[in-house]
Amino acid sequence: MKERLKHGMVKRKKRLERGIKSLNKQIEIHKEKKEKAAEEGKLELEKYYAGEIEEFKRVREKKKGHLNR
């Protein structure tokens, strides 16, 4: 039984690590899109991407917290 729990925790840890890695990629992609929107003078789009980036960062920190338990 303990081995099964340990295995489940390993899966959970890997899943959280993959999620954090994915969020980091999304943050970078959205930063590039935000910069492009700023260059094109699209203020509303720039605000949208800024909000998305903040949400990704919030979720990433939450996942990091779960990972460090």
Protein backbone atom coordinates (compact mmCIF):
# COMPACT_ATOMS: atom_id res chain seq x y z
CA MET A 1 0.00 0.00 0.00
CA LYS A 2 2.79 2.43 0.90
CA GLU A 3 4.49 1.73 -2.41
CA ARG A 4 1.28 2.61 -4.21
CA LEU A 5 1.03 5.93 -2.36
CA LYS A 6 4.66 6.70 -3.10
CA HIS A 7 4.11 5.96 -6.79
CA GLY A 8 1.08 8.27 -6.83
CA MET A 9 3.11 11.06 -5.25
CA VAL A 10 5.80 10.66 -7.91
CA LYS A 11 3.17 10.93 -10.63
CA ARG A 12 1.71 14.00 -8.94
CA LYS A 13 5.14 15.62 -8.65
CA LYS A 14 5.91 14.98 -12.32
CA ARG A 15 2.50 16.29 -13.36
CA LEU A 16 3.03 19.47 -11.35
CA GLU A 17 6.52 19.92 -12.81
CA ARG A 18 5.18 19.53 -16.36
CA GLY A 19 2.42 22.02 -15.57
CA ILE A 20 4.92 24.58 -14.29
CA LYS A 21 7.11 24.09 -17.36
CA SER A 22 4.09 24.55 -19.62
CA LEU A 23 3.05 27.72 -17.79
CA ASN A 24 6.57 29.13 -18.19
CA LYS A 25 6.31 28.56 -21.95
CA GLN A 26 2.90 30.24 -22.08
CA ILE A 27 4.21 33.23 -20.13
CA GLU A 28 7.04 33.68 -22.65
CA ILE A 29 4.67 33.32 -25.62
CA HIS A 30 2.26 35.88 -24.16
CA LYS A 31 5.09 38.31 -23.35
CA GLU A 32 6.10 38.23 -27.03
CA LYS A 33 2.50 38.75 -28.12
CA LYS A 34 2.14 41.62 -25.63
CA GLU A 35 5.27 43.31 -27.01
CA LYS A 36 3.97 42.92 -30.57
CA ALA A 37 0.61 44.40 -29.57
CA ALA A 38 2.42 47.34 -27.93
CA GLU A 39 4.47 47.96 -31.08
CA GLU A 40 1.29 47.93 -33.15
CA GLY A 41 -0.42 50.31 -30.73
CA LYS A 42 -3.15 47.86 -29.77
CA LEU A 43 -3.66 48.95 -26.18
CA GLU A 44 -6.61 46.70 -25.36
CA LEU A 45 -4.81 43.63 -26.68
CA GLU A 46 -1.74 44.58 -24.69
CA LYS A 47 -3.86 44.81 -21.52
CA TYR A 48 -5.41 41.44 -22.30
CA TYR A 49 -2.01 39.77 -22.59
CA ALA A 50 -0.81 41.47 -19.40
CA GLY A 51 -3.81 40.00 -17.58
CA GLU A 52 -3.17 36.57 -19.05
CA ILE A 53 0.48 36.72 -17.97
CA GLU A 54 -0.51 37.63 -14.42
CA GLU A 55 -3.00 34.76 -14.31
CA PHE A 56 -0.36 32.30 -15.57
CA LYS A 57 2.04 33.56 -12.90
CA ARG A 58 -0.60 33.15 -10.19
CA VAL A 59 -1.36 29.59 -11.26
CA ARG A 60 2.37 28.81 -11.53
CA GLU A 61 2.98 29.99 -7.97
CA LYS A 62 0.04 27.92 -6.76
CA LYS A 63 1.48 24.82 -8.46
CA LYS A 64 4.92 25.54 -6.98
CA GLY A 65 3.30 25.70 -3.56
CA HIS A 66 1.67 22.32 -4.10
CA LEU A 67 4.97 20.91 -5.33
CA ASN A 68 6.82 22.03 -2.20
CA ARG A 69 4.41 20.37 0.23
